[in-house]
Amino acid sequence: MKKNTLILLFLSVTTANAQIRDFSEKGNGLVNLERHQFTINLLGPGIRYELGLFKNVSASTSFTPAFARYQEGYALGYAWHTRIRYYHNFQERLDINKNVVGNSANYIGPARSIFWEPVQFTDNISDGNSNYAFAFYGGVYGIQRTNRKGFNINAEVGYGYFDGDGIDNGHGFMVNLNFGWVATIRKSTKPTFD
């Protein structure tokens, strides 16, 4: 009985040690994700802030131009966006020696965008009503790339529910495209050794 207990204890410790080593090699923090990223958008000026939360998850907020289209019509103009982004291809990009600096990866996640009539460039929703607003609640798929100099492109498309204030509700899609510059210091691409 003591022999079996000793063998079981040895196997348990060996397995636990291997799992801990594997976990720490892959990382348990923000391995590839930037902790803070502030972007100044050059295309239709705007700003975006992204906060790294977990290994591949970040939260972002921005005030940038976007296009929305649903049953009531369309709107093109500024919107306030909030996102939870799950970056799903950091490792695949690293495996083929692609850049992941500045959160350069593809993402999916829930989204909310709020459009106000006074900051729209063009629309066909108002029907003479100059006091409307609507919110987009849905999911988005996006691509973000940041080069080593800090220039950033972010493109996303989403589908969801539009909750109107002063106009009818509905469902439809939203497109957001931004080109800008990351003003925060990006992670070093050079390996570090302990």
Protein backbone atom coordinates (compact mmCIF):
# COMPACT_ATOMS: atom_id res chain seq x y z
CA MET A 1 0.00 0.00 0.00
CA LYS A 2 2.82 2.43 0.88
CA LYS A 3 4.55 1.60 -2.41
CA ASN A 4 1.40 2.46 -4.43
CA THR A 5 0.92 5.70 -2.47
CA LEU A 6 4.53 6.70 -3.08
CA ILE A 7 4.25 5.98 -6.83
CA LEU A 8 0.95 7.92 -7.04
CA LEU A 9 2.48 10.86 -5.16
CA PHE A 10 5.53 10.87 -7.45
CA LEU A 11 3.35 10.82 -10.61
CA SER A 12 1.12 13.59 -9.22
CA VAL A 13 4.06 15.87 -8.43
CA THR A 14 5.67 15.20 -11.83
CA THR A 15 2.43 15.91 -13.72
CA ALA A 16 1.71 19.08 -11.70
CA ASN A 17 5.26 20.34 -12.28
CA ALA A 18 4.95 19.77 -16.05
CA GLN A 19 1.61 21.59 -16.17
CA ILE A 20 2.94 24.56 -14.19
CA ARG A 21 6.01 24.79 -16.45
CA ASP A 22 3.82 24.58 -19.58
CA PHE A 23 1.46 27.27 -18.22
CA SER A 24 4.30 29.67 -17.40
CA GLU A 25 5.98 29.11 -20.78
CA LYS A 26 2.78 30.03 -22.61
CA GLY A 27 2.17 32.91 -20.24
CA ASN A 28 -0.63 33.72 -17.89
CA GLY A 29 -0.69 37.49 -18.31
CA LEU A 30 -0.84 39.92 -21.23
CA VAL A 31 1.71 38.03 -23.32
CA ASN A 32 1.10 39.68 -26.71
CA LEU A 33 -1.57 42.21 -25.80
CA GLU A 34 -0.64 45.83 -25.15
CA ARG A 35 -1.60 46.92 -21.63
CA HIS A 36 -2.53 50.47 -22.73
CA GLN A 37 -2.91 51.70 -26.29
CA PHE A 38 -3.99 55.25 -27.18
CA THR A 39 -4.59 55.89 -30.89
CA ILE A 40 -5.10 59.21 -32.64
CA ASN A 41 -7.16 58.64 -35.78
CA LEU A 42 -6.14 60.59 -38.85
CA LEU A 43 -9.01 59.55 -41.14
CA GLY A 44 -11.96 61.63 -39.94
CA PRO A 45 -10.12 62.72 -36.81
CA GLY A 46 -10.94 60.84 -33.65
CA ILE A 47 -9.43 59.00 -30.71
CA ARG A 48 -9.40 55.45 -29.32
CA TYR A 49 -8.19 53.98 -26.04
CA GLU A 50 -7.70 50.25 -25.57
CA LEU A 51 -7.00 48.56 -22.23
CA GLY A 52 -5.61 45.03 -22.09
CA LEU A 53 -7.59 43.02 -19.55
CA PHE A 54 -6.60 39.35 -19.90
CA LYS A 55 -4.35 37.25 -22.12
CA ASN A 56 -6.22 37.95 -25.41
CA VAL A 57 -9.05 40.23 -24.20
CA SER A 58 -9.18 44.02 -24.19
CA ALA A 59 -11.78 46.74 -23.70
CA SER A 60 -11.80 49.77 -25.98
CA THR A 61 -13.66 53.02 -26.34
CA SER A 62 -13.45 55.49 -29.21
CA PHE A 63 -15.07 58.49 -30.83
CA THR A 64 -14.64 58.01 -34.57
CA PRO A 65 -16.67 58.05 -37.81
CA ALA A 66 -18.77 54.99 -38.70
CA PHE A 67 -21.49 53.93 -41.14
CA ALA A 68 -24.76 52.32 -40.00
CA ARG A 69 -27.56 50.90 -42.15
CA TYR A 70 -30.86 49.37 -41.03
CA GLN A 71 -34.58 49.41 -41.98
CA GLU A 72 -35.02 53.11 -41.21
CA GLY A 73 -32.16 54.17 -43.48
CA TYR A 74 -28.49 54.94 -43.12
CA ALA A 75 -26.23 57.31 -41.22
CA LEU A 76 -22.59 58.24 -41.76
CA GLY A 77 -20.88 60.29 -39.12
CA TYR A 78 -19.31 60.26 -35.69
CA ALA A 79 -20.25 57.67 -33.10
CA TRP A 80 -19.11 56.69 -29.64
CA HIS A 81 -17.98 53.06 -29.70
CA THR A 82 -17.32 50.64 -26.84
CA ARG A 83 -15.99 47.14 -27.46
CA ILE A 84 -14.81 44.03 -25.69
CA ARG A 85 -12.29 42.49 -28.08
CA TYR A 86 -11.15 38.87 -28.07
CA TYR A 87 -8.06 38.54 -30.28
CA HIS A 88 -8.16 35.03 -31.67
CA ASN A 89 -5.05 34.72 -33.84
CA PHE A 90 -1.99 36.04 -31.97
CA GLN A 91 -0.34 32.63 -31.87
CA GLU A 92 -1.06 31.86 -35.54
CA ARG A 93 0.53 35.19 -36.52
CA LEU A 94 3.59 34.48 -34.36
CA ASP A 95 3.93 30.98 -35.84
CA ILE A 96 4.34 32.45 -39.34
CA ASN A 97 6.59 35.32 -38.14
CA LYS A 98 3.95 38.05 -38.52
CA ASN A 99 3.89 41.26 -36.47
CA VAL A 100 1.71 41.31 -33.31
CA VAL A 101 2.98 44.67 -31.99
CA GLY A 102 0.20 47.13 -31.14
CA ASN A 103 -2.43 44.37 -30.95
CA SER A 104 -1.96 43.42 -34.61
CA ALA A 105 -4.47 40.59 -34.89
CA ASN A 106 -8.07 39.76 -35.75
CA TYR A 107 -10.80 40.02 -33.12
CA ILE A 108 -14.44 39.30 -32.38
CA GLY A 109 -16.64 40.63 -29.64
CA PRO A 110 -19.73 42.42 -28.40
CA ALA A 111 -20.13 46.03 -29.42
CA ARG A 112 -22.11 49.15 -28.71
CA SER A 113 -22.09 52.33 -30.79
CA ILE A 114 -24.16 55.46 -30.26
CA PHE A 115 -24.98 57.84 -33.14
CA TRP A 116 -26.37 61.37 -32.62
CA GLU A 117 -27.93 63.43 -35.40
CA PRO A 118 -25.88 66.62 -34.84
CA VAL A 119 -22.58 64.83 -35.56
CA GLN A 120 -23.69 62.94 -38.69
CA PHE A 121 -22.23 63.91 -42.06
CA THR A 122 -25.13 62.50 -44.04
CA ASP A 123 -28.23 60.40 -43.37
CA ASN A 124 -31.70 59.60 -44.67
CA ILE A 125 -33.20 58.65 -41.31
CA SER A 126 -34.33 62.00 -39.96
CA ASP A 127 -37.36 62.80 -42.20
CA GLY A 128 -37.05 66.40 -41.07
CA ASN A 129 -36.52 65.43 -37.41
CA SER A 130 -33.23 66.94 -36.39
CA ASN A 131 -33.33 65.50 -32.88
CA TYR A 132 -32.70 61.77 -33.01
CA ALA A 133 -30.18 59.28 -31.72
CA PHE A 134 -29.79 55.54 -32.00
CA ALA A 135 -27.59 52.88 -30.49
CA PHE A 136 -26.17 49.78 -32.13
CA TYR A 137 -25.93 46.63 -29.95
CA GLY A 138 -24.43 43.60 -31.61
CA GLY A 139 -21.33 41.68 -32.49
CA VAL A 140 -18.37 42.77 -34.61
CA TYR A 141 -15.49 41.11 -36.42
CA GLY A 142 -12.44 43.31 -36.79
CA ILE A 143 -8.90 43.44 -38.08
CA GLN A 144 -6.28 45.65 -36.48
CA ARG A 145 -2.73 46.14 -37.72
CA THR A 146 -0.03 48.39 -36.27
CA ASN A 147 3.35 48.69 -37.95
CA ARG A 148 6.60 49.21 -36.04
CA LYS A 149 6.45 53.00 -36.57
CA GLY A 150 3.03 53.12 -34.89
CA PHE A 151 0.72 53.62 -37.87
CA ASN A 152 -2.51 51.75 -37.22
CA ILE A 153 -5.42 50.55 -39.32
CA ASN A 154 -8.57 49.17 -37.74
CA ALA A 155 -11.51 47.86 -39.77
CA GLU A 156 -14.60 46.18 -38.39
CA VAL A 157 -18.03 45.10 -39.54
CA GLY A 158 -20.91 44.10 -37.31
CA TYR A 159 -24.55 43.15 -37.28
CA GLY A 160 -27.03 43.81 -34.52
CA TYR A 161 -30.03 45.60 -33.06
CA PHE A 162 -30.59 49.36 -33.43
CA ASP A 163 -32.42 51.04 -30.55
CA GLY A 164 -33.80 54.38 -31.76
CA ASP A 165 -34.62 57.51 -29.80
CA GLY A 166 -36.91 59.66 -31.94
CA ILE A 167 -36.84 57.03 -34.71
CA ASP A 168 -37.96 53.40 -35.01
CA ASN A 169 -35.95 50.41 -33.82
CA GLY A 170 -34.63 47.72 -36.14
CA HIS A 171 -31.70 45.57 -37.08
CA GLY A 172 -28.90 45.97 -39.58
CA PHE A 173 -25.15 46.34 -39.99
CA MET A 174 -22.45 48.81 -39.07
CA VAL A 175 -19.00 49.43 -40.61
CA ASN A 176 -16.12 51.21 -38.92
CA LEU A 177 -12.79 51.98 -40.66
CA ASN A 178 -9.99 54.01 -39.06
CA PHE A 179 -6.43 54.90 -39.93
CA GLY A 180 -4.30 56.47 -37.23
CA TRP A 181 -1.15 56.54 -35.14
CA VAL A 182 -0.56 54.79 -31.82
CA ALA A 183 0.73 57.46 -29.44
CA THR A 184 1.68 55.10 -26.60
CA ILE A 185 4.91 53.12 -26.34
CA ARG A 186 4.52 49.69 -27.88
CA LYS A 187 6.00 46.48 -26.49
CA SER A 188 9.51 45.67 -27.57
CA THR A 189 9.85 43.01 -30.25
CA LYS A 190 13.29 41.98 -28.99
CA PRO A 191 13.36 38.88 -26.76
CA THR A 192 14.18 39.32 -23.11
CA PHE A 193 15.87 36.72 -20.94
CA ASP A 194 15.62 36.29 -17.19
